[in-house]
Every structure is written in structure tokens, then in C-alpha cells.
Amino acid sequence: RLAQETYDWDDATADTAEQRYRDFLWVCFNFAVGETTMT
């Protein structure tokens, strides 16, 4: 909700952003090595 308000996103853009953020979190979880990971 805040991202849509802040960035003036329509629902389709917000859907894409949310999916990409979830995918990003999943990538970070899977490729965390030692103390840090960069993605």
C-alpha cells in the first residue's frame, strides 16, 4: 500500500514489484554464504 502511494504504482506494477521482492528474498535465502551474501 505504501509503495503504491509513494511510487504512484497501478495494481499491475505493484503485483510485479511484490513478486520480484518475494523472489529476491528467496534468492537471498538460498545463496547466503557465510556471513554475507550479495545479490
Full PDB file with SEQRES, HELIX, SHEET, SSBOND, CRYST1, ORIGX, SCALE, CONECT and MASTER records, all heavy atoms in Angstrom:
SEQRES   1 A   39  ARG LEU ALA GLN GLU THR TYR ASP TRP ASP ASP ALA THR          
SEQRES   2 A   39  ALA ASP THR ALA GLU GLN ARG TYR ARG ASP PHE LEU TRP          
SEQRES   3 A   39  VAL CYS PHE ASN PHE ALA VAL GLY GLU THR THR MET THR          
HELIX    1 AA1 LEU A    2  TYR A    7  1                                   6    
HELIX    2 AA2 ASP A   11  PHE A   31  1                                  21    
CRYST1    1.000    1.000    1.000  90.00  90.00  90.00 P 1           1          
ORIGX1      1.000000  0.000000  0.000000        0.00000                         
ORIGX2      0.000000  1.000000  0.000000        0.00000                         
ORIGX3      0.000000  0.000000  1.000000        0.00000                         
SCALE1      1.000000  0.000000  0.000000        0.00000                         
SCALE2      0.000000  1.000000  0.000000        0.00000                         
SCALE3      0.000000  0.000000  1.000000        0.00000                         
ATOM      1  N   ARG A   1       0.832  -1.208   0.000  1.00  0.00           N  
ATOM      2  CA  ARG A   1       0.000   0.000   0.000  1.00  0.00           C  
ATOM      3  C   ARG A   1       0.862   1.252   0.000  1.00  0.00           C  
ATOM      4  O   ARG A   1       0.654   2.172  -0.801  1.00  0.00           O  
ATOM      5  CB  ARG A   1      -0.939   0.004   1.213  1.00  0.00           C  
ATOM      6  CG  ARG A   1      -1.870   1.214   1.253  1.00  0.00           C  
ATOM      7  CD  ARG A   1      -2.437   1.457   2.639  1.00  0.00           C  
ATOM      8  NE  ARG A   1      -1.432   1.636   3.676  1.00  0.00           N  
ATOM      9  CZ  ARG A   1      -0.669   2.721   3.829  1.00  0.00           C  
ATOM     10  NH1 ARG A   1      -0.774   3.738   3.012  1.00  0.00           N  
ATOM     11  NH2 ARG A   1       0.218   2.788   4.807  1.00  0.00           N  
ATOM     12  N   LEU A   2       1.868   1.295   0.885  1.00  0.00           N  
ATOM     13  CA  LEU A   2       2.743   2.461   0.961  1.00  0.00           C  
ATOM     14  C   LEU A   2       3.567   2.615  -0.310  1.00  0.00           C  
ATOM     15  O   LEU A   2       3.750   3.729  -0.812  1.00  0.00           O  
ATOM     16  CB  LEU A   2       3.653   2.376   2.185  1.00  0.00           C  
ATOM     17  CG  LEU A   2       4.609   3.558   2.395  1.00  0.00           C  
ATOM     18  CD1 LEU A   2       3.845   4.884   2.513  1.00  0.00           C  
ATOM     19  CD2 LEU A   2       5.475   3.321   3.630  1.00  0.00           C  
ATOM     20  N   ALA A   3       4.058   1.512  -0.858  1.00  0.00           N  
ATOM     21  CA  ALA A   3       4.832   1.580  -2.106  1.00  0.00           C  
ATOM     22  C   ALA A   3       3.972   2.114  -3.245  1.00  0.00           C  
ATOM     23  O   ALA A   3       4.424   2.956  -4.033  1.00  0.00           O  
ATOM     24  CB  ALA A   3       5.403   0.211  -2.450  1.00  0.00           C  
ATOM     25  N   GLN A   4       2.734   1.647  -3.341  1.00  0.00           N  
ATOM     26  CA  GLN A   4       1.841   2.147  -4.390  1.00  0.00           C  
ATOM     27  C   GLN A   4       1.621   3.643  -4.241  1.00  0.00           C  
ATOM     28  O   GLN A   4       1.638   4.372  -5.235  1.00  0.00           O  
ATOM     29  CB  GLN A   4       0.489   1.421  -4.348  1.00  0.00           C  
ATOM     30  CG  GLN A   4       0.505   0.098  -5.056  1.00  0.00           C  
ATOM     31  CD  GLN A   4      -0.883  -0.482  -5.210  1.00  0.00           C  
ATOM     32  OE1 GLN A   4      -1.336  -1.216  -4.339  1.00  0.00           O  
ATOM     33  NE2 GLN A   4      -1.533  -0.169  -6.310  1.00  0.00           N  
ATOM     34  N   GLU A   5       1.439   4.069  -3.021  1.00  0.00           N  
ATOM     35  CA  GLU A   5       1.224   5.502  -2.745  1.00  0.00           C  
ATOM     36  C   GLU A   5       2.491   6.303  -3.043  1.00  0.00           C  
ATOM     37  O   GLU A   5       2.443   7.347  -3.685  1.00  0.00           O  
ATOM     38  CB  GLU A   5       0.824   5.639  -1.268  1.00  0.00           C  
ATOM     39  CG  GLU A   5       0.419   7.010  -0.843  1.00  0.00           C  
ATOM     40  CD  GLU A   5       0.026   6.989   0.630  1.00  0.00           C  
ATOM     41  OE1 GLU A   5      -1.020   6.372   0.954  1.00  0.00           O  
ATOM     42  OE2 GLU A   5       0.775   7.562   1.448  1.00  0.00           O  
ATOM     43  N   THR A   6       3.615   5.812  -2.591  1.00  0.00           N  
ATOM     44  CA  THR A   6       4.889   6.519  -2.745  1.00  0.00           C  
ATOM     45  C   THR A   6       5.324   6.615  -4.199  1.00  0.00           C  
ATOM     46  O   THR A   6       5.782   7.670  -4.655  1.00  0.00           O  
ATOM     47  CB  THR A   6       5.987   5.813  -1.923  1.00  0.00           C  
ATOM     48  OG1 THR A   6       5.588   5.768  -0.550  1.00  0.00           O  
ATOM     49  CG2 THR A   6       7.323   6.529  -2.051  1.00  0.00           C  
ATOM     50  N   TYR A   7       5.212   5.519  -4.916  1.00  0.00           N  
ATOM     51  CA  TYR A   7       5.736   5.460  -6.285  1.00  0.00           C  
ATOM     52  C   TYR A   7       4.655   5.605  -7.350  1.00  0.00           C  
ATOM     53  O   TYR A   7       4.943   5.508  -8.534  1.00  0.00           O  
ATOM     54  CB  TYR A   7       6.509   4.148  -6.489  1.00  0.00           C  
ATOM     55  CG  TYR A   7       7.662   4.010  -5.529  1.00  0.00           C  
ATOM     56  CD1 TYR A   7       7.639   3.061  -4.515  1.00  0.00           C  
ATOM     57  CD2 TYR A   7       8.762   4.868  -5.605  1.00  0.00           C  
ATOM     58  CE1 TYR A   7       8.698   2.947  -3.613  1.00  0.00           C  
ATOM     59  CE2 TYR A   7       9.818   4.759  -4.711  1.00  0.00           C  
ATOM     60  CZ  TYR A   7       9.774   3.792  -3.719  1.00  0.00           C  
ATOM     61  OH  TYR A   7      10.814   3.682  -2.835  1.00  0.00           O  
ATOM     62  N   ASP A   8       3.413   5.829  -6.914  1.00  0.00           N  
ATOM     63  CA  ASP A   8       2.290   6.005  -7.837  1.00  0.00           C  
ATOM     64  C   ASP A   8       2.153   4.814  -8.782  1.00  0.00           C  
ATOM     65  O   ASP A   8       2.004   4.974  -9.992  1.00  0.00           O  
ATOM     66  CB  ASP A   8       2.438   7.317  -8.624  1.00  0.00           C  
ATOM     67  CG  ASP A   8       1.139   7.727  -9.295  1.00  0.00           C  
ATOM     68  OD1 ASP A   8       0.056   7.397  -8.767  1.00  0.00           O  
ATOM     69  OD2 ASP A   8       1.197   8.349 -10.374  1.00  0.00           O  
ATOM     70  N   TRP A   9       2.205   3.617  -8.198  1.00  0.00           N  
ATOM     71  CA  TRP A   9       2.084   2.391  -8.981  1.00  0.00           C  
ATOM     72  C   TRP A   9       0.624   2.017  -9.158  1.00  0.00           C  
ATOM     73  O   TRP A   9      -0.176   2.158  -8.231  1.00  0.00           O  
ATOM     74  CB  TRP A   9       2.749   1.221  -8.268  1.00  0.00           C  
ATOM     75  CG  TRP A   9       4.236   1.245  -8.229  1.00  0.00           C  
ATOM     76  CD1 TRP A   9       5.086   1.966  -9.014  1.00  0.00           C  
ATOM     77  CD2 TRP A   9       5.075   0.489  -7.349  1.00  0.00           C  
ATOM     78  NE1 TRP A   9       6.383   1.700  -8.681  1.00  0.00           N  
ATOM     79  CE2 TRP A   9       6.411   0.793  -7.664  1.00  0.00           C  
ATOM     80  CE3 TRP A   9       4.812  -0.421  -6.337  1.00  0.00           C  
ATOM     81  CZ2 TRP A   9       7.484   0.218  -7.001  1.00  0.00           C  
ATOM     82  CZ3 TRP A   9       5.877  -0.992  -5.668  1.00  0.00           C  
ATOM     83  CH2 TRP A   9       7.210  -0.677  -5.998  1.00  0.00           C  
ATOM     84  N   ASP A  10       0.299   1.478 -10.326  1.00  0.00           N  
ATOM     85  CA  ASP A  10      -1.011   0.867 -10.507  1.00  0.00           C  
ATOM     86  C   ASP A  10      -0.948  -0.544  -9.920  1.00  0.00           C  
ATOM     87  O   ASP A  10       0.119  -1.008  -9.480  1.00  0.00           O  
ATOM     88  CB  ASP A  10      -1.438   0.859 -11.981  1.00  0.00           C  
ATOM     89  CG  ASP A  10      -0.469   0.120 -12.894  1.00  0.00           C  
ATOM     90  OD1 ASP A  10       0.319  -0.740 -12.422  1.00  0.00           O  
ATOM     91  OD2 ASP A  10      -0.488   0.398 -14.104  1.00  0.00           O  
ATOM     92  N   ASP A  11      -2.082  -1.251  -9.908  1.00  0.00           N  
ATOM     93  CA  ASP A  11      -2.119  -2.575  -9.294  1.00  0.00           C  
ATOM     94  C   ASP A  11      -1.190  -3.571  -9.995  1.00  0.00           C  
ATOM     95  O   ASP A  11      -0.556  -4.392  -9.336  1.00  0.00           O  
ATOM     96  CB  ASP A  11      -3.549  -3.126  -9.284  1.00  0.00           C  
ATOM     97  CG  ASP A  11      -4.430  -2.430  -8.255  1.00  0.00           C  
ATOM     98  OD1 ASP A  11      -3.890  -1.808  -7.315  1.00  0.00           O  
ATOM     99  OD2 ASP A  11      -5.664  -2.514  -8.390  1.00  0.00           O  
ATOM    100  N   ALA A  12      -1.106  -3.496 -11.313  1.00  0.00           N  
ATOM    101  CA  ALA A  12      -0.249  -4.434 -12.063  1.00  0.00           C  
ATOM    102  C   ALA A  12       1.219  -4.231 -11.705  1.00  0.00           C  
ATOM    103  O   ALA A  12       1.969  -5.202 -11.518  1.00  0.00           O  
ATOM    104  CB  ALA A  12      -0.462  -4.277 -13.563  1.00  0.00           C  
ATOM    105  N   THR A  13       1.652  -2.988 -11.591  1.00  0.00           N  
ATOM    106  CA  THR A  13       3.036  -2.701 -11.218  1.00  0.00           C  
ATOM    107  C   THR A  13       3.303  -3.168  -9.792  1.00  0.00           C  
ATOM    108  O   THR A  13       4.348  -3.754  -9.502  1.00  0.00           O  
ATOM    109  CB  THR A  13       3.346  -1.208 -11.380  1.00  0.00           C  
ATOM    110  OG1 THR A  13       3.080  -0.831 -12.726  1.00  0.00           O  
ATOM    111  CG2 THR A  13       4.796  -0.891 -11.023  1.00  0.00           C  
ATOM    112  N   ALA A  14       2.351  -2.928  -8.893  1.00  0.00           N  
ATOM    113  CA  ALA A  14       2.502  -3.377  -7.507  1.00  0.00           C  
ATOM    114  C   ALA A  14       2.572  -4.901  -7.437  1.00  0.00           C  
ATOM    115  O   ALA A  14       3.359  -5.450  -6.658  1.00  0.00           O  
ATOM    116  CB  ALA A  14       1.363  -2.848  -6.652  1.00  0.00           C  
ATOM    117  N   ASP A  15       1.765  -5.585  -8.249  1.00  0.00           N  
ATOM    118  CA  ASP A  15       1.828  -7.054  -8.297  1.00  0.00           C  
ATOM    119  C   ASP A  15       3.223  -7.522  -8.709  1.00  0.00           C  
ATOM    120  O   ASP A  15       3.797  -8.419  -8.092  1.00  0.00           O  
ATOM    121  CB  ASP A  15       0.821  -7.616  -9.310  1.00  0.00           C  
ATOM    122  CG  ASP A  15      -0.622  -7.510  -8.857  1.00  0.00           C  
ATOM    123  OD1 ASP A  15      -0.878  -7.261  -7.664  1.00  0.00           O  
ATOM    124  OD2 ASP A  15      -1.512  -7.682  -9.730  1.00  0.00           O  
ATOM    125  N   THR A  16       3.764  -6.906  -9.763  1.00  0.00           N  
ATOM    126  CA  THR A  16       5.095  -7.267 -10.257  1.00  0.00           C  
ATOM    127  C   THR A  16       6.155  -6.972  -9.203  1.00  0.00           C  
ATOM    128  O   THR A  16       7.042  -7.800  -8.946  1.00  0.00           O  
ATOM    129  CB  THR A  16       5.416  -6.514 -11.557  1.00  0.00           C  
ATOM    130  OG1 THR A  16       4.430  -6.861 -12.545  1.00  0.00           O  
ATOM    131  CG2 THR A  16       6.800  -6.864 -12.088  1.00  0.00           C  
ATOM    132  N   ALA A  17       6.071  -5.805  -8.577  1.00  0.00           N  
ATOM    133  CA  ALA A  17       7.054  -5.423  -7.550  1.00  0.00           C  
ATOM    134  C   ALA A  17       7.021  -6.392  -6.382  1.00  0.00           C  
ATOM    135  O   ALA A  17       8.074  -6.822  -5.893  1.00  0.00           O  
ATOM    136  CB  ALA A  17       6.781  -3.997  -7.075  1.00  0.00           C  
ATOM    137  N   GLU A  18       5.835  -6.739  -5.938  1.00  0.00           N  
ATOM    138  CA  GLU A  18       5.718  -7.663  -4.812  1.00  0.00           C  
ATOM    139  C   GLU A  18       6.295  -9.032  -5.175  1.00  0.00           C  
ATOM    140  O   GLU A  18       7.037  -9.628  -4.386  1.00  0.00           O  
ATOM    141  CB  GLU A  18       4.258  -7.801  -4.386  1.00  0.00           C  
ATOM    142  CG  GLU A  18       4.077  -8.688  -3.181  1.00  0.00           C  
ATOM    143  CD  GLU A  18       2.653  -8.752  -2.679  1.00  0.00           C  
ATOM    144  OE1 GLU A  18       1.854  -7.829  -2.940  1.00  0.00           O  
ATOM    145  OE2 GLU A  18       2.338  -9.752  -2.005  1.00  0.00           O  
ATOM    146  N   GLN A  19       5.978  -9.531  -6.361  1.00  0.00           N  
ATOM    147  CA  GLN A  19       6.505 -10.829  -6.786  1.00  0.00           C  
ATOM    148  C   GLN A  19       8.025 -10.789  -6.894  1.00  0.00           C  
ATOM    149  O   GLN A  19       8.714 -11.710  -6.442  1.00  0.00           O  
ATOM    150  CB  GLN A  19       5.903 -11.259  -8.121  1.00  0.00           C  
ATOM    151  CG  GLN A  19       6.340 -12.642  -8.552  1.00  0.00           C  
ATOM    152  CD  GLN A  19       5.921 -13.719  -7.564  1.00  0.00           C  
ATOM    153  OE1 GLN A  19       4.760 -13.763  -7.149  1.00  0.00           O  
ATOM    154  NE2 GLN A  19       6.839 -14.582  -7.173  1.00  0.00           N  
ATOM    155  N   ARG A  20       8.559  -9.732  -7.460  1.00  0.00           N  
ATOM    156  CA  ARG A  20      10.025  -9.626  -7.590  1.00  0.00           C  
ATOM    157  C   ARG A  20      10.700  -9.522  -6.232  1.00  0.00           C  
ATOM    158  O   ARG A  20      11.793 -10.045  -6.029  1.00  0.00           O  
ATOM    159  CB  ARG A  20      10.394  -8.446  -8.484  1.00  0.00           C  
ATOM    160  CG  ARG A  20      10.088  -8.741  -9.931  1.00  0.00           C  
ATOM    161  CD  ARG A  20      10.544  -7.678 -10.856  1.00  0.00           C  
ATOM    162  NE  ARG A  20      10.197  -8.047 -12.229  1.00  0.00           N  
ATOM    163  CZ  ARG A  20      10.194  -7.206 -13.234  1.00  0.00           C  
ATOM    164  NH1 ARG A  20      10.555  -5.950 -13.052  1.00  0.00           N  
ATOM    165  NH2 ARG A  20       9.854  -7.614 -14.437  1.00  0.00           N  
ATOM    166  N   TYR A  21      10.061  -8.839  -5.290  1.00  0.00           N  
ATOM    167  CA  TYR A  21      10.624  -8.735  -3.939  1.00  0.00           C  
ATOM    168  C   TYR A  21      10.604 -10.107  -3.258  1.00  0.00           C  
ATOM    169  O   TYR A  21      11.597 -10.516  -2.648  1.00  0.00           O  
ATOM    170  CB  TYR A  21       9.856  -7.702  -3.125  1.00  0.00           C  
ATOM    171  CG  TYR A  21      10.408  -7.466  -1.741  1.00  0.00           C  
ATOM    172  CD1 TYR A  21      11.735  -7.087  -1.541  1.00  0.00           C  
ATOM    173  CD2 TYR A  21       9.597  -7.599  -0.616  1.00  0.00           C  
ATOM    174  CE1 TYR A  21      12.244  -6.864  -0.265  1.00  0.00           C  
ATOM    175  CE2 TYR A  21      10.088  -7.369   0.658  1.00  0.00           C  
ATOM    176  CZ  TYR A  21      11.411  -7.007   0.832  1.00  0.00           C  
ATOM    177  OH  TYR A  21      11.904  -6.783   2.097  1.00  0.00           O  
ATOM    178  N   ARG A  22       9.506 -10.824  -3.384  1.00  0.00           N  
ATOM    179  CA  ARG A  22       9.432 -12.164  -2.797  1.00  0.00           C  
ATOM    180  C   ARG A  22      10.486 -13.074  -3.433  1.00  0.00           C  
ATOM    181  O   ARG A  22      11.174 -13.817  -2.723  1.00  0.00           O  
ATOM    182  CB  ARG A  22       8.029 -12.740  -2.954  1.00  0.00           C  
ATOM    183  CG  ARG A  22       6.994 -12.055  -2.082  1.00  0.00           C  
ATOM    184  CD  ARG A  22       5.593 -12.619  -2.296  1.00  0.00           C  
ATOM    185  NE  ARG A  22       4.582 -11.841  -1.626  1.00  0.00           N  
ATOM    186  CZ  ARG A  22       4.262 -11.930  -0.333  1.00  0.00           C  
ATOM    187  NH1 ARG A  22       4.907 -12.781   0.444  1.00  0.00           N  
ATOM    188  NH2 ARG A  22       3.312 -11.172   0.178  1.00  0.00           N  
ATOM    189  N   ASP A  23      10.612 -13.026  -4.756  1.00  0.00           N  
ATOM    190  CA  ASP A  23      11.639 -13.820  -5.442  1.00  0.00           C  
ATOM    191  C   ASP A  23      13.028 -13.434  -4.944  1.00  0.00           C  
ATOM    192  O   ASP A  23      13.880 -14.302  -4.705  1.00  0.00           O  
ATOM    193  CB  ASP A  23      11.575 -13.611  -6.958  1.00  0.00           C  
ATOM    194  CG  ASP A  23      10.381 -14.269  -7.618  1.00  0.00           C  
ATOM    195  OD1 ASP A  23       9.673 -15.073  -6.969  1.00  0.00           O  
ATOM    196  OD2 ASP A  23      10.143 -13.961  -8.810  1.00  0.00           O  
ATOM    197  N   PHE A  24      13.262 -12.144  -4.785  1.00  0.00           N  
ATOM    198  CA  PHE A  24      14.554 -11.668  -4.307  1.00  0.00           C  
ATOM    199  C   PHE A  24      14.869 -12.212  -2.912  1.00  0.00           C  
ATOM    200  O   PHE A  24      15.983 -12.676  -2.647  1.00  0.00           O  
ATOM    201  CB  PHE A  24      14.567 -10.140  -4.317  1.00  0.00           C  
ATOM    202  CG  PHE A  24      15.795  -9.541  -3.718  1.00  0.00           C  
ATOM    203  CD1 PHE A  24      17.019  -9.665  -4.344  1.00  0.00           C  
ATOM    204  CD2 PHE A  24      15.731  -8.844  -2.529  1.00  0.00           C  
ATOM    205  CE1 PHE A  24      18.171  -9.118  -3.787  1.00  0.00           C  
ATOM    206  CE2 PHE A  24      16.873  -8.286  -1.971  1.00  0.00           C  
ATOM    207  CZ  PHE A  24      18.089  -8.427  -2.594  1.00  0.00           C  
ATOM    208  N   LEU A  25      13.880 -12.183  -2.015  1.00  0.00           N  
ATOM    209  CA  LEU A  25      14.086 -12.733  -0.672  1.00  0.00           C  
ATOM    210  C   LEU A  25      14.418 -14.215  -0.741  1.00  0.00           C  
ATOM    211  O   LEU A  25      15.297 -14.701  -0.014  1.00  0.00           O  
ATOM    212  CB  LEU A  25      12.834 -12.505   0.189  1.00  0.00           C  
ATOM    213  CG  LEU A  25      12.528 -11.058   0.548  1.00  0.00           C  
ATOM    214  CD1 LEU A  25      11.158 -10.965   1.223  1.00  0.00           C  
ATOM    215  CD2 LEU A  25      13.609 -10.454   1.430  1.00  0.00           C  
ATOM    216  N   TRP A  26      13.754 -14.940  -1.625  1.00  0.00           N  
ATOM    217  CA  TRP A  26      14.003 -16.367  -1.786  1.00  0.00           C  
ATOM    218  C   TRP A  26      15.418 -16.619  -2.324  1.00  0.00           C  
ATOM    219  O   TRP A  26      16.125 -17.510  -1.862  1.00  0.00           O  
ATOM    220  CB  TRP A  26      12.924 -16.965  -2.680  1.00  0.00           C  
ATOM    221  CG  TRP A  26      13.015 -18.431  -2.923  1.00  0.00           C  
ATOM    222  CD1 TRP A  26      13.059 -19.032  -4.143  1.00  0.00           C  
ATOM    223  CD2 TRP A  26      13.055 -19.489  -1.956  1.00  0.00           C  
ATOM    224  NE1 TRP A  26      13.135 -20.398  -3.992  1.00  0.00           N  
ATOM    225  CE2 TRP A  26      13.137 -20.707  -2.664  1.00  0.00           C  
ATOM    226  CE3 TRP A  26      13.046 -19.533  -0.571  1.00  0.00           C  
ATOM    227  CZ2 TRP A  26      13.198 -21.947  -2.024  1.00  0.00           C  
ATOM    228  CZ3 TRP A  26      13.114 -20.761   0.070  1.00  0.00           C  
ATOM    229  CH2 TRP A  26      13.183 -21.941  -0.651  1.00  0.00           C  
ATOM    230  N   VAL A  27      15.842 -15.813  -3.283  1.00  0.00           N  
ATOM    231  CA  VAL A  27      17.208 -15.929  -3.811  1.00  0.00           C  
ATOM    232  C   VAL A  27      18.216 -15.659  -2.686  1.00  0.00           C  
ATOM    233  O   VAL A  27      19.179 -16.411  -2.520  1.00  0.00           O  
ATOM    234  CB  VAL A  27      17.438 -14.975  -4.999  1.00  0.00           C  
ATOM    235  CG1 VAL A  27      18.919 -14.892  -5.370  1.00  0.00           C  
ATOM    236  CG2 VAL A  27      16.630 -15.419  -6.216  1.00  0.00           C  
ATOM    237  N   CYS A  28      17.995 -14.596  -1.930  1.00  0.00           N  
ATOM    238  CA  CYS A  28      18.918 -14.278  -0.829  1.00  0.00           C  
ATOM    239  C   CYS A  28      18.997 -15.418   0.176  1.00  0.00           C  
ATOM    240  O   CYS A  28      20.088 -15.771   0.640  1.00  0.00           O  
ATOM    241  CB  CYS A  28      18.487 -12.989  -0.133  1.00  0.00           C  
ATOM    242  SG  CYS A  28      18.764 -11.500  -1.096  1.00  0.00           S  
ATOM    243  N   PHE A  29      17.856 -16.007   0.523  1.00  0.00           N  
ATOM    244  CA  PHE A  29      17.870 -17.137   1.459  1.00  0.00           C  
ATOM    245  C   PHE A  29      18.721 -18.283   0.916  1.00  0.00           C  
ATOM    246  O   PHE A  29      19.526 -18.873   1.629  1.00  0.00           O  
ATOM    247  CB  PHE A  29      16.448 -17.639   1.731  1.00  0.00           C  
ATOM    248  CG  PHE A  29      16.414 -18.963   2.439  1.00  0.00           C  
ATOM    249  CD1 PHE A  29      16.674 -19.043   3.804  1.00  0.00           C  
ATOM    250  CD2 PHE A  29      16.163 -20.136   1.746  1.00  0.00           C  
ATOM    251  CE1 PHE A  29      16.672 -20.273   4.460  1.00  0.00           C  
ATOM    252  CE2 PHE A  29      16.163 -21.370   2.386  1.00  0.00           C  
ATOM    253  CZ  PHE A  29      16.417 -21.434   3.749  1.00  0.00           C  
ATOM    254  N   ASN A  30      18.539 -18.604  -0.335  1.00  0.00           N  
ATOM    255  CA  ASN A  30      19.214 -19.764  -0.926  1.00  0.00           C  
ATOM    256  C   ASN A  30      20.690 -19.563  -1.180  1.00  0.00           C  
ATOM    257  O   ASN A  30      21.429 -20.537  -1.270  1.00  0.00           O  
ATOM    258  CB  ASN A  30      18.513 -20.154  -2.230  1.00  0.00           C  
ATOM    259  CG  ASN A  30      17.293 -20.969  -1.973  1.00  0.00           C  
ATOM    260  OD1 ASN A  30      17.374 -22.165  -1.761  1.00  0.00           O  
ATOM    261  ND2 ASN A  30      16.146 -20.307  -1.934  1.00  0.00           N  
ATOM    262  N   PHE A  31      21.125 -18.322  -1.302  1.00  0.00           N  
ATOM    263  CA  PHE A  31      22.520 -18.095  -1.661  1.00  0.00           C  
ATOM    264  C   PHE A  31      23.297 -17.329  -0.605  1.00  0.00           C  
ATOM    265  O   PHE A  31      24.363 -16.809  -0.886  1.00  0.00           O  
ATOM    266  CB  PHE A  31      22.610 -17.438  -3.048  1.00  0.00           C  
ATOM    267  CG  PHE A  31      22.108 -18.361  -4.114  1.00  0.00           C  
ATOM    268  CD1 PHE A  31      20.833 -18.242  -4.606  1.00  0.00           C  
ATOM    269  CD2 PHE A  31      22.906 -19.405  -4.558  1.00  0.00           C  
ATOM    270  CE1 PHE A  31      20.349 -19.128  -5.553  1.00  0.00           C  
ATOM    271  CE2 PHE A  31      22.438 -20.303  -5.508  1.00  0.00           C  
ATOM    272  CZ  PHE A  31      21.155 -20.153  -6.006  1.00  0.00           C  
ATOM    273  N   ALA A  32      22.780 -17.297   0.625  1.00  0.00           N  
ATOM    274  CA  ALA A  32      23.537 -16.724   1.733  1.00  0.00           C  
ATOM    275  C   ALA A  32      24.726 -17.643   2.009  1.00  0.00           C  
ATOM    276  O   ALA A  32      24.551 -18.826   2.216  1.00  0.00           O  
ATOM    277  CB  ALA A  32      22.661 -16.585   2.968  1.00  0.00           C  
ATOM    278  N   VAL A  33      25.911 -17.080   1.993  1.00  0.00           N  
ATOM    279  CA  VAL A  33      27.123 -17.867   2.214  1.00  0.00           C  
ATOM    280  C   VAL A  33      27.908 -17.220   3.345  1.00  0.00           C  
ATOM    281  O   VAL A  33      28.213 -16.037   3.279  1.00  0.00           O  
ATOM    282  CB  VAL A  33      27.998 -17.911   0.937  1.00  0.00           C  
ATOM    283  CG1 VAL A  33      29.269 -18.678   1.197  1.00  0.00           C  
ATOM    284  CG2 VAL A  33      27.218 -18.528  -0.213  1.00  0.00           C  
ATOM    285  N   GLY A  34      28.216 -18.008   4.364  1.00  0.00           N  
ATOM    286  CA  GLY A  34      28.985 -17.460   5.478  1.00  0.00           C  
ATOM    287  C   GLY A  34      28.246 -16.305   6.122  1.00  0.00           C  
ATOM    288  O   GLY A  34      27.074 -16.391   6.419  1.00  0.00           O  
ATOM    289  N   GLU A  35      28.931 -15.216   6.294  1.00  0.00           N  
ATOM    290  CA  GLU A  35      28.347 -14.066   6.972  1.00  0.00           C  
ATOM    291  C   GLU A  35      27.581 -13.126   6.049  1.00  0.00           C  
ATOM    292  O   GLU A  35      26.764 -12.365   6.489  1.00  0.00           O  
ATOM    293  CB  GLU A  35      29.438 -13.268   7.695  1.00  0.00           C  
ATOM    294  CG  GLU A  35      29.989 -13.976   8.901  1.00  0.00           C  
ATOM    295  CD  GLU A  35      28.924 -14.217   9.951  1.00  0.00           C  
ATOM    296  OE1 GLU A  35      28.249 -13.259  10.363  1.00  0.00           O  
ATOM    297  OE2 GLU A  35      28.755 -15.369  10.364  1.00  0.00           O  
ATOM    298  N   THR A  36      27.898 -13.123   4.766  1.00  0.00           N  
ATOM    299  CA  THR A  36      27.218 -12.181   3.880  1.00  0.00           C  
ATOM    300  C   THR A  36      26.865 -12.829   2.553  1.00  0.00           C  
ATOM    301  O   THR A  36      27.445 -13.830   2.159  1.00  0.00           O  
ATOM    302  CB  THR A  36      28.094 -10.948   3.563  1.00  0.00           C  
ATOM    303  OG1 THR A  36      29.241 -11.371   2.841  1.00  0.00           O  
ATOM    304  CG2 THR A  36      28.499 -10.208   4.813  1.00  0.00           C  
ATOM    305  N   THR A  37      25.913 -12.250   1.901  1.00  0.00           N  
ATOM    306  CA  THR A  37      25.614 -12.610   0.533  1.00  0.00           C  
ATOM    307  C   THR A  37      25.256 -11.333  -0.197  1.00  0.00           C  
ATOM    308  O   THR A  37      24.693 -10.428   0.388  1.00  0.00           O  
ATOM    309  CB  THR A  37      24.474 -13.634   0.425  1.00  0.00           C  
ATOM    310  OG1 THR A  37      24.314 -13.985  -0.953  1.00  0.00           O  
ATOM    311  CG2 THR A  37      23.161 -13.094   0.927  1.00  0.00           C  
ATOM    312  N   MET A  38      25.605 -11.238  -1.440  1.00  0.00           N  
ATOM    313  CA  MET A  38      25.246 -10.075  -2.236  1.00  0.00           C  
ATOM    314  C   MET A  38      24.479 -10.571  -3.443  1.00  0.00           C  
ATOM    315  O   MET A  38      24.876 -11.546  -4.078  1.00  0.00           O  
ATOM    316  CB  MET A  38      26.490  -9.321  -2.699  1.00  0.00           C  
ATOM    317  CG  MET A  38      27.323  -8.793  -1.567  1.00  0.00           C  
ATOM    318  SD  MET A  38      27.038  -7.056  -1.358  1.00  0.00           S  
ATOM    319  CE  MET A  38      28.390  -6.605  -0.319  1.00  0.00           C  
ATOM    320  N   THR A  39      23.395  -9.954  -3.733  1.00  0.00           N  
ATOM    321  CA  THR A  39      22.555 -10.370  -4.832  1.00  0.00           C  
ATOM    322  C   THR A  39      22.070  -9.143  -5.582  1.00  0.00           C  
ATOM    323  O   THR A  39      21.644  -8.180  -4.972  1.00  0.00           O  
ATOM    324  CB  THR A  39      21.325 -11.150  -4.311  1.00  0.00           C  
ATOM    325  OG1 THR A  39      21.770 -12.191  -3.459  1.00  0.00           O  
ATOM    326  CG2 THR A  39      20.525 -11.731  -5.436  1.00  0.00           C  
TER     327      THR A  39                                                      
MASTER        0    0    0    2    0    0    0    6  326    1    0    3          
END                                                                             
